[in-house]
Amino acid sequence: MKKVKKLWIENRILFVLFVIIIICACIILGVILNYFFGATKSNYGDRLNGISEVEVTDEVKNNFLFPFANDELIEKADLYPKGKIIYISLTFKEGISLVEAQSKALASLQVFEQKYLDFYDFHYTLKQNDTETSEGFLLMGSKNVNGSGLVWNNNTEVSKEE
């Protein structure tokens, strides 16, 4: 007992530091394990919670695509959801201006119920192929859940004439 008491008296600072190091190492290990191997099993985390309540069904797709099937200015229309984004691709025939194409895309948002507008982001791709009479265009736009309208990014190549 005297040896233990003598060892404690001579090295008590080292023992306290050693206990503090062990406690800190356990805390760091716990934080690392929780960070890398957390409780969630989904690769996407919790951002897709509630997606089953506002799922884009075939009926919603058909309601969206039906008006475009009868439109003589639209060659092809596609809609496909992925995660929390609904991708919409519209290919226009010759004879439509860029402004008209944008207005058709903006009007197509009115087909969706408010629950879809409040949950999904929308990504539009408007395309018209080059022909002999028109230059064509490629325009991309998006609407965020919190946004009120579409934001456009014009990707049409512009050639300089001399």
N, C-alpha and C. Protein backbone atom coordinates (compact mmCIF):
# COMPACT_ATOMS: atom_id res chain seq x y z
N MET A 1 0.82 -1.19 0.00
CA MET A 1 0.00 0.00 0.00
C MET A 1 0.87 1.25 0.00
N LYS A 2 2.00 1.15 0.67
CA LYS A 2 2.89 2.31 0.70
C LYS A 2 3.45 2.60 -0.69
N LYS A 3 3.69 1.54 -1.49
CA LYS A 3 4.22 1.74 -2.84
C LYS A 3 3.19 2.44 -3.72
N VAL A 4 1.93 2.04 -3.59
CA VAL A 4 0.88 2.64 -4.38
C VAL A 4 0.70 4.10 -3.98
N LYS A 5 0.72 4.37 -2.67
CA LYS A 5 0.57 5.73 -2.18
C LYS A 5 1.74 6.60 -2.64
N LYS A 6 2.95 6.04 -2.61
CA LYS A 6 4.15 6.77 -3.05
C LYS A 6 4.07 7.03 -4.56
N LEU A 7 3.60 6.03 -5.34
CA LEU A 7 3.46 6.17 -6.79
C LEU A 7 2.43 7.25 -7.10
N TRP A 8 1.31 7.29 -6.37
CA TRP A 8 0.27 8.29 -6.57
C TRP A 8 0.80 9.69 -6.26
N ILE A 9 1.50 9.84 -5.18
CA ILE A 9 2.02 11.15 -4.77
C ILE A 9 3.04 11.67 -5.78
N GLU A 10 3.90 10.79 -6.26
CA GLU A 10 4.94 11.22 -7.20
C GLU A 10 4.39 11.48 -8.62
N ASN A 11 3.33 10.80 -9.00
CA ASN A 11 2.84 10.88 -10.39
C ASN A 11 1.37 11.26 -10.51
N ARG A 12 0.79 11.94 -9.55
CA ARG A 12 -0.64 12.23 -9.62
C ARG A 12 -0.99 13.15 -10.79
N ILE A 13 -0.13 14.07 -11.17
CA ILE A 13 -0.40 14.94 -12.31
C ILE A 13 -0.46 14.11 -13.60
N LEU A 14 0.44 13.17 -13.74
CA LEU A 14 0.44 12.31 -14.92
C LEU A 14 -0.81 11.43 -14.96
N PHE A 15 -1.25 10.92 -13.82
CA PHE A 15 -2.47 10.10 -13.78
C PHE A 15 -3.71 10.91 -14.19
N VAL A 16 -3.81 12.13 -13.67
CA VAL A 16 -4.95 12.99 -14.01
C VAL A 16 -4.93 13.31 -15.51
N LEU A 17 -3.76 13.66 -16.04
CA LEU A 17 -3.64 13.94 -17.47
C LEU A 17 -3.99 12.71 -18.32
N PHE A 18 -3.57 11.54 -17.85
CA PHE A 18 -3.85 10.30 -18.57
C PHE A 18 -5.36 10.02 -18.59
N VAL A 19 -6.06 10.27 -17.48
CA VAL A 19 -7.50 10.09 -17.42
C VAL A 19 -8.20 11.09 -18.35
N ILE A 20 -7.72 12.34 -18.37
CA ILE A 20 -8.30 13.36 -19.26
C ILE A 20 -8.09 12.96 -20.72
N ILE A 21 -6.93 12.45 -21.06
CA ILE A 21 -6.65 12.02 -22.44
C ILE A 21 -7.56 10.86 -22.84
N ILE A 22 -7.79 9.91 -21.96
CA ILE A 22 -8.66 8.78 -22.26
C ILE A 22 -10.11 9.26 -22.47
N ILE A 23 -10.58 10.17 -21.62
CA ILE A 23 -11.94 10.71 -21.76
C ILE A 23 -12.07 11.47 -23.08
N CYS A 24 -11.09 12.30 -23.42
CA CYS A 24 -11.12 13.05 -24.69
C CYS A 24 -11.09 12.10 -25.88
N ALA A 25 -10.28 11.06 -25.82
CA ALA A 25 -10.20 10.10 -26.92
C ALA A 25 -11.54 9.38 -27.11
N CYS A 26 -12.20 9.04 -26.02
CA CYS A 26 -13.52 8.39 -26.12
C CYS A 26 -14.54 9.33 -26.73
N ILE A 27 -14.53 10.60 -26.34
CA ILE A 27 -15.46 11.58 -26.90
C ILE A 27 -15.20 11.77 -28.39
N ILE A 28 -13.96 11.92 -28.78
CA ILE A 28 -13.61 12.10 -30.20
C ILE A 28 -14.01 10.87 -31.00
N LEU A 29 -13.76 9.69 -30.48
CA LEU A 29 -14.14 8.46 -31.17
C LEU A 29 -15.66 8.38 -31.34
N GLY A 30 -16.39 8.75 -30.30
CA GLY A 30 -17.85 8.75 -30.39
C GLY A 30 -18.37 9.72 -31.43
N VAL A 31 -17.79 10.92 -31.49
CA VAL A 31 -18.21 11.92 -32.48
C VAL A 31 -17.88 11.44 -33.89
N ILE A 32 -16.71 10.87 -34.09
CA ILE A 32 -16.32 10.36 -35.41
C ILE A 32 -17.25 9.23 -35.85
N LEU A 33 -17.55 8.30 -34.97
CA LEU A 33 -18.46 7.21 -35.33
C LEU A 33 -19.85 7.71 -35.65
N ASN A 34 -20.33 8.67 -34.89
CA ASN A 34 -21.65 9.23 -35.14
C ASN A 34 -21.68 10.00 -36.46
N TYR A 35 -20.60 10.69 -36.79
CA TYR A 35 -20.54 11.47 -38.02
C TYR A 35 -20.50 10.58 -39.25
N PHE A 36 -19.63 9.59 -39.25
CA PHE A 36 -19.46 8.74 -40.42
C PHE A 36 -20.45 7.58 -40.49
N PHE A 37 -20.87 7.08 -39.37
CA PHE A 37 -21.79 5.94 -39.34
C PHE A 37 -23.02 6.32 -38.53
N GLY A 38 -23.68 7.41 -38.94
CA GLY A 38 -24.83 7.93 -38.21
C GLY A 38 -26.03 7.00 -38.25
N ALA A 39 -27.10 7.47 -37.69
CA ALA A 39 -28.29 6.65 -37.55
C ALA A 39 -29.09 6.53 -38.85
N THR A 40 -28.92 7.47 -39.79
CA THR A 40 -29.70 7.40 -41.02
C THR A 40 -29.12 6.36 -41.96
N LYS A 41 -29.99 5.63 -42.60
CA LYS A 41 -29.56 4.58 -43.52
C LYS A 41 -29.66 5.02 -44.98
N SER A 42 -30.35 6.12 -45.24
CA SER A 42 -30.56 6.57 -46.61
C SER A 42 -29.33 7.34 -47.10
N ASN A 43 -28.97 7.13 -48.35
CA ASN A 43 -27.86 7.86 -48.95
C ASN A 43 -28.18 9.33 -49.12
N TYR A 44 -29.47 9.67 -49.21
CA TYR A 44 -29.89 11.04 -49.45
C TYR A 44 -30.19 11.80 -48.16
N GLY A 45 -30.01 11.16 -47.02
CA GLY A 45 -30.32 11.83 -45.76
C GLY A 45 -31.82 11.99 -45.59
N ASP A 46 -32.24 13.11 -45.03
CA ASP A 46 -33.67 13.31 -44.77
C ASP A 46 -34.33 14.27 -45.75
N ARG A 47 -33.64 14.65 -46.83
CA ARG A 47 -34.21 15.63 -47.74
C ARG A 47 -35.36 15.08 -48.58
N LEU A 48 -35.50 13.76 -48.66
CA LEU A 48 -36.60 13.17 -49.43
C LEU A 48 -37.75 12.72 -48.54
N ASN A 49 -37.74 13.12 -47.28
CA ASN A 49 -38.86 12.79 -46.40
C ASN A 49 -40.13 13.44 -46.93
N GLY A 50 -41.19 12.68 -46.98
CA GLY A 50 -42.48 13.19 -47.44
C GLY A 50 -42.69 13.07 -48.93
N ILE A 51 -41.74 12.49 -49.66
CA ILE A 51 -41.88 12.40 -51.12
C ILE A 51 -42.99 11.44 -51.51
N SER A 52 -43.29 10.47 -50.67
CA SER A 52 -44.36 9.53 -51.01
C SER A 52 -45.74 10.19 -50.95
N GLU A 53 -45.86 11.28 -50.20
CA GLU A 53 -47.14 11.98 -50.09
C GLU A 53 -47.44 12.85 -51.31
N VAL A 54 -46.40 13.28 -52.01
CA VAL A 54 -46.57 14.12 -53.21
C VAL A 54 -45.85 13.49 -54.40
N GLU A 55 -45.99 12.20 -54.53
CA GLU A 55 -45.32 11.48 -55.61
C GLU A 55 -45.94 11.83 -56.96
N VAL A 56 -45.08 11.96 -57.96
CA VAL A 56 -45.55 12.26 -59.31
C VAL A 56 -46.01 10.95 -59.94
N THR A 57 -47.31 10.80 -60.06
CA THR A 57 -47.89 9.57 -60.59
C THR A 57 -48.05 9.68 -62.10
N ASP A 58 -48.45 8.57 -62.72
CA ASP A 58 -48.71 8.58 -64.16
C ASP A 58 -49.86 9.52 -64.51
N GLU A 59 -50.82 9.65 -63.62
CA GLU A 59 -51.94 10.56 -63.86
C GLU A 59 -51.46 12.01 -63.93
N VAL A 60 -50.54 12.38 -63.03
CA VAL A 60 -49.99 13.74 -63.04
C VAL A 60 -49.21 13.97 -64.33
N LYS A 61 -48.41 12.97 -64.73
CA LYS A 61 -47.64 13.09 -65.98
C LYS A 61 -48.57 13.26 -67.17
N ASN A 62 -49.62 12.44 -67.24
CA ASN A 62 -50.55 12.52 -68.36
C ASN A 62 -51.30 13.85 -68.39
N ASN A 63 -51.68 14.37 -67.22
CA ASN A 63 -52.34 15.68 -67.16
C ASN A 63 -51.42 16.79 -67.67
N PHE A 64 -50.13 16.63 -67.40
CA PHE A 64 -49.17 17.63 -67.86
C PHE A 64 -48.92 17.50 -69.37
N LEU A 65 -48.75 16.28 -69.85
CA LEU A 65 -48.35 16.06 -71.25
C LEU A 65 -49.52 16.15 -72.23
N PHE A 66 -50.75 15.99 -71.77
CA PHE A 66 -51.91 15.98 -72.67
C PHE A 66 -52.05 17.27 -73.49
N PRO A 67 -51.97 18.46 -72.89
CA PRO A 67 -52.11 19.68 -73.71
C PRO A 67 -51.02 19.81 -74.78
N PHE A 68 -49.83 19.28 -74.51
CA PHE A 68 -48.75 19.40 -75.47
C PHE A 68 -48.91 18.44 -76.65
N ALA A 69 -49.66 17.36 -76.46
CA ALA A 69 -49.89 16.40 -77.54
C ALA A 69 -50.73 17.03 -78.65
N ASN A 70 -51.62 17.95 -78.29
CA ASN A 70 -52.49 18.60 -79.27
C ASN A 70 -51.93 19.92 -79.79
N ASP A 71 -50.82 20.36 -79.26
CA ASP A 71 -50.23 21.64 -79.67
C ASP A 71 -49.40 21.44 -80.93
N GLU A 72 -49.71 22.20 -81.98
CA GLU A 72 -49.01 22.03 -83.25
C GLU A 72 -47.61 22.63 -83.24
N LEU A 73 -47.26 23.43 -82.24
CA LEU A 73 -45.93 24.03 -82.17
C LEU A 73 -44.93 23.19 -81.39
N ILE A 74 -45.42 22.17 -80.68
CA ILE A 74 -44.53 21.34 -79.86
C ILE A 74 -44.35 19.99 -80.52
N GLU A 75 -43.09 19.66 -80.75
CA GLU A 75 -42.75 18.40 -81.39
C GLU A 75 -42.73 17.25 -80.39
N LYS A 76 -42.16 17.52 -79.21
CA LYS A 76 -42.00 16.47 -78.21
C LYS A 76 -41.99 17.09 -76.82
N ALA A 77 -42.64 16.43 -75.88
CA ALA A 77 -42.66 16.89 -74.50
C ALA A 77 -42.42 15.70 -73.59
N ASP A 78 -41.52 15.87 -72.63
CA ASP A 78 -41.20 14.81 -71.66
C ASP A 78 -41.22 15.38 -70.26
N LEU A 79 -41.57 14.54 -69.31
CA LEU A 79 -41.54 14.90 -67.89
C LEU A 79 -41.05 13.68 -67.13
N TYR A 80 -40.00 13.87 -66.32
CA TYR A 80 -39.57 12.78 -65.46
C TYR A 80 -39.03 13.34 -64.15
N PRO A 81 -39.53 12.79 -63.05
CA PRO A 81 -39.06 13.24 -61.74
C PRO A 81 -37.84 12.43 -61.30
N LYS A 82 -36.95 13.08 -60.59
CA LYS A 82 -35.81 12.40 -59.99
C LYS A 82 -35.52 13.10 -58.68
N GLY A 83 -35.72 12.38 -57.59
CA GLY A 83 -35.54 12.98 -56.28
C GLY A 83 -36.58 14.06 -56.06
N LYS A 84 -36.12 15.26 -55.73
CA LYS A 84 -37.02 16.39 -55.50
C LYS A 84 -37.02 17.35 -56.68
N ILE A 85 -36.62 16.87 -57.85
CA ILE A 85 -36.59 17.72 -59.04
C ILE A 85 -37.46 17.08 -60.13
N ILE A 86 -38.28 17.88 -60.77
CA ILE A 86 -39.05 17.42 -61.92
C ILE A 86 -38.40 18.02 -63.16
N TYR A 87 -37.89 17.16 -64.02
CA TYR A 87 -37.25 17.59 -65.26
C TYR A 87 -38.29 17.59 -66.38
N ILE A 88 -38.39 18.72 -67.06
CA ILE A 88 -39.35 18.88 -68.15
C ILE A 88 -38.57 19.29 -69.39
N SER A 89 -38.75 18.55 -70.46
CA SER A 89 -38.07 18.82 -71.71
C SER A 89 -39.12 19.07 -72.79
N LEU A 90 -39.02 20.22 -73.43
CA LEU A 90 -39.95 20.58 -74.50
C LEU A 90 -39.14 20.86 -75.77
N THR A 91 -39.46 20.14 -76.85
CA THR A 91 -38.83 20.37 -78.14
C THR A 91 -39.87 21.01 -79.05
N PHE A 92 -39.53 22.18 -79.59
CA PHE A 92 -40.48 22.95 -80.39
C PHE A 92 -40.21 22.77 -81.87
N LYS A 93 -41.28 22.89 -82.63
CA LYS A 93 -41.16 22.87 -84.08
C LYS A 93 -40.72 24.25 -84.55
N GLU A 94 -40.42 24.32 -85.80
CA GLU A 94 -40.02 25.59 -86.42
C GLU A 94 -41.20 26.56 -86.41
N GLY A 95 -40.90 27.84 -86.21
CA GLY A 95 -41.95 28.84 -86.29
C GLY A 95 -42.38 29.40 -84.95
N ILE A 96 -41.71 29.07 -83.89
CA ILE A 96 -42.04 29.64 -82.58
C ILE A 96 -40.85 30.46 -82.09
N SER A 97 -41.13 31.58 -81.51
CA SER A 97 -40.05 32.43 -81.01
C SER A 97 -39.65 31.99 -79.61
N LEU A 98 -38.52 32.49 -79.18
CA LEU A 98 -38.00 32.16 -77.86
C LEU A 98 -38.94 32.65 -76.76
N VAL A 99 -39.50 33.82 -76.93
CA VAL A 99 -40.41 34.39 -75.93
C VAL A 99 -41.69 33.55 -75.82
N GLU A 100 -42.20 33.10 -76.96
CA GLU A 100 -43.39 32.25 -76.95
C GLU A 100 -43.11 30.92 -76.25
N ALA A 101 -41.92 30.37 -76.50
CA ALA A 101 -41.55 29.11 -75.85
C ALA A 101 -41.47 29.29 -74.34
N GLN A 102 -40.91 30.41 -73.90
CA GLN A 102 -40.83 30.68 -72.47
C GLN A 102 -42.22 30.83 -71.87
N SER A 103 -43.11 31.48 -72.58
CA SER A 103 -44.46 31.67 -72.03
C SER A 103 -45.21 30.34 -71.96
N LYS A 104 -44.99 29.44 -72.93
CA LYS A 104 -45.62 28.12 -72.87
C LYS A 104 -45.09 27.33 -71.67
N ALA A 105 -43.80 27.44 -71.40
CA ALA A 105 -43.23 26.73 -70.25
C ALA A 105 -43.78 27.29 -68.95
N LEU A 106 -43.85 28.60 -68.86
CA LEU A 106 -44.38 29.23 -67.64
C LEU A 106 -45.85 28.86 -67.44
N ALA A 107 -46.61 28.81 -68.51
CA ALA A 107 -48.02 28.44 -68.41
C ALA A 107 -48.18 26.96 -68.01
N SER A 108 -47.22 26.13 -68.37
CA SER A 108 -47.32 24.71 -68.03
C SER A 108 -47.19 24.47 -66.53
N LEU A 109 -46.62 25.41 -65.80
CA LEU A 109 -46.54 25.26 -64.34
C LEU A 109 -47.92 25.29 -63.69
N GLN A 110 -48.88 25.92 -64.35
CA GLN A 110 -50.22 26.03 -63.78
C GLN A 110 -50.95 24.70 -63.76
N VAL A 111 -50.44 23.71 -64.50
CA VAL A 111 -51.06 22.39 -64.52
C VAL A 111 -50.87 21.68 -63.17
N PHE A 112 -49.76 21.97 -62.50
CA PHE A 112 -49.43 21.29 -61.26
C PHE A 112 -50.21 21.88 -60.08
N GLU A 113 -50.61 21.00 -59.19
CA GLU A 113 -51.27 21.44 -57.97
C GLU A 113 -50.26 22.14 -57.07
N GLN A 114 -50.75 22.90 -56.13
CA GLN A 114 -49.88 23.68 -55.25
C GLN A 114 -48.96 22.79 -54.42
N LYS A 115 -49.41 21.59 -54.07
CA LYS A 115 -48.57 20.71 -53.25
C LYS A 115 -47.30 20.30 -54.00
N TYR A 116 -47.38 20.18 -55.33
CA TYR A 116 -46.20 19.87 -56.13
C TYR A 116 -45.28 21.08 -56.23
N LEU A 117 -45.87 22.25 -56.40
CA LEU A 117 -45.06 23.47 -56.49
C LEU A 117 -44.35 23.78 -55.19
N ASP A 118 -44.94 23.37 -54.06
CA ASP A 118 -44.35 23.62 -52.75
C ASP A 118 -43.31 22.57 -52.36
N PHE A 119 -43.25 21.47 -53.10
CA PHE A 119 -42.33 20.38 -52.72
C PHE A 119 -41.18 20.20 -53.71
N TYR A 120 -41.46 20.29 -54.99
CA TYR A 120 -40.47 19.97 -56.02
C TYR A 120 -39.82 21.22 -56.60
N ASP A 121 -38.57 21.09 -57.04
CA ASP A 121 -37.93 22.06 -57.91
C ASP A 121 -38.23 21.63 -59.35
N PHE A 122 -38.34 22.59 -60.25
CA PHE A 122 -38.63 22.29 -61.65
C PHE A 122 -37.45 22.73 -62.51
N HIS A 123 -37.08 21.88 -63.46
CA HIS A 123 -35.98 22.19 -64.38
C HIS A 123 -36.50 22.03 -65.80
N TYR A 124 -36.50 23.12 -66.56
CA TYR A 124 -37.00 23.11 -67.93
C TYR A 124 -35.84 23.14 -68.92
N THR A 125 -36.00 22.39 -70.00
CA THR A 125 -35.10 22.47 -71.14
C THR A 125 -35.97 22.69 -72.37
N LEU A 126 -35.81 23.86 -72.98
CA LEU A 126 -36.57 24.21 -74.19
C LEU A 126 -35.61 24.16 -75.37
N LYS A 127 -36.02 23.46 -76.40
CA LYS A 127 -35.12 23.26 -77.53
C LYS A 127 -35.87 23.41 -78.84
N GLN A 128 -35.19 24.03 -79.81
CA GLN A 128 -35.67 24.07 -81.18
C GLN A 128 -34.46 23.84 -82.06
N ASN A 129 -34.56 22.87 -82.94
CA ASN A 129 -33.43 22.52 -83.80
C ASN A 129 -33.22 23.57 -84.89
N ASP A 130 -31.98 23.66 -85.34
CA ASP A 130 -31.65 24.55 -86.45
C ASP A 130 -32.33 24.06 -87.73
N THR A 131 -32.86 24.98 -88.45
CA THR A 131 -33.40 24.67 -89.77
C THR A 131 -32.89 25.72 -90.75
N GLU A 132 -33.29 25.59 -91.97
CA GLU A 132 -32.86 26.56 -92.98
C GLU A 132 -33.47 27.93 -92.73
N THR A 133 -34.65 27.97 -92.15
CA THR A 133 -35.34 29.24 -91.94
C THR A 133 -35.20 29.81 -90.53
N SER A 134 -34.77 29.00 -89.57
CA SER A 134 -34.62 29.52 -88.21
C SER A 134 -33.32 29.00 -87.59
N GLU A 135 -32.79 29.77 -86.67
CA GLU A 135 -31.53 29.42 -86.02
C GLU A 135 -31.71 28.36 -84.93
N GLY A 136 -32.88 28.26 -84.38
CA GLY A 136 -33.11 27.34 -83.28
C GLY A 136 -32.61 27.92 -81.97
N PHE A 137 -32.88 27.22 -80.89
CA PHE A 137 -32.42 27.69 -79.58
C PHE A 137 -32.34 26.52 -78.62
N LEU A 138 -31.59 26.73 -77.57
CA LEU A 138 -31.51 25.81 -76.44
C LEU A 138 -31.55 26.67 -75.20
N LEU A 139 -32.60 26.53 -74.43
CA LEU A 139 -32.83 27.38 -73.27
C LEU A 139 -33.14 26.51 -72.07
N MET A 140 -32.50 26.82 -70.97
CA MET A 140 -32.75 26.07 -69.73
C MET A 140 -33.27 27.04 -68.67
N GLY A 141 -34.20 26.56 -67.91
CA GLY A 141 -34.77 27.37 -66.85
C GLY A 141 -35.10 26.51 -65.65
N SER A 142 -35.23 27.15 -64.51
CA SER A 142 -35.55 26.40 -63.31
C SER A 142 -36.42 27.23 -62.38
N LYS A 143 -37.15 26.52 -61.56
CA LYS A 143 -37.97 27.14 -60.52
C LYS A 143 -37.68 26.43 -59.22
N ASN A 144 -37.24 27.17 -58.26
CA ASN A 144 -36.96 26.65 -56.93
C ASN A 144 -38.27 26.57 -56.16
N VAL A 145 -38.29 25.74 -55.14
CA VAL A 145 -39.47 25.61 -54.29
C VAL A 145 -39.85 26.97 -53.71
N ASN A 146 -38.87 27.74 -53.31
CA ASN A 146 -39.14 29.03 -52.68
C ASN A 146 -39.32 30.16 -53.69
N GLY A 147 -39.06 29.89 -54.97
CA GLY A 147 -39.16 30.92 -55.99
C GLY A 147 -40.58 31.08 -56.50
N SER A 148 -40.82 32.21 -57.14
CA SER A 148 -42.16 32.48 -57.65
C SER A 148 -42.26 32.28 -59.15
N GLY A 149 -41.16 32.33 -59.86
CA GLY A 149 -41.20 32.19 -61.31
C GLY A 149 -40.02 31.39 -61.81
N LEU A 150 -39.91 31.33 -63.13
CA LEU A 150 -38.80 30.60 -63.75
C LEU A 150 -37.62 31.54 -63.96
N VAL A 151 -36.43 31.03 -63.75
CA VAL A 151 -35.19 31.75 -64.02
C VAL A 151 -34.56 31.09 -65.23
N TRP A 152 -34.23 31.87 -66.25
CA TRP A 152 -33.77 31.32 -67.52
C TRP A 152 -32.27 31.50 -67.70
N ASN A 153 -31.66 30.54 -68.39
CA ASN A 153 -30.26 30.58 -68.77
C ASN A 153 -30.21 30.23 -70.25
N ASN A 154 -29.89 31.18 -71.08
CA ASN A 154 -29.89 30.97 -72.52
C ASN A 154 -28.57 30.34 -72.94
N ASN A 155 -28.63 29.12 -73.47
CA ASN A 155 -27.43 28.40 -73.90
C ASN A 155 -27.31 28.36 -75.41
N THR A 156 -27.99 29.22 -76.10
CA THR A 156 -27.92 29.26 -77.55
C THR A 156 -26.60 29.88 -77.97
N GLU A 157 -25.92 29.21 -78.88
CA GLU A 157 -24.65 29.74 -79.38
C GLU A 157 -24.92 30.97 -80.22
N VAL A 158 -24.07 31.98 -80.01
CA VAL A 158 -24.21 33.20 -80.78
C VAL A 158 -22.98 33.33 -81.66
N SER A 159 -23.19 33.42 -82.93
CA SER A 159 -22.05 33.59 -83.85
C SER A 159 -21.98 35.04 -84.26
N LYS A 160 -20.76 35.56 -84.26
CA LYS A 160 -20.56 36.97 -84.62
C LYS A 160 -20.47 37.08 -86.13
N GLU A 161 -21.22 38.02 -86.64
CA GLU A 161 -21.18 38.28 -88.08
C GLU A 161 -20.27 39.45 -88.33
N GLU A 162 -19.49 39.37 -89.38
CA GLU A 162 -18.57 40.45 -89.71
C GLU A 162 -19.08 41.26 -90.88
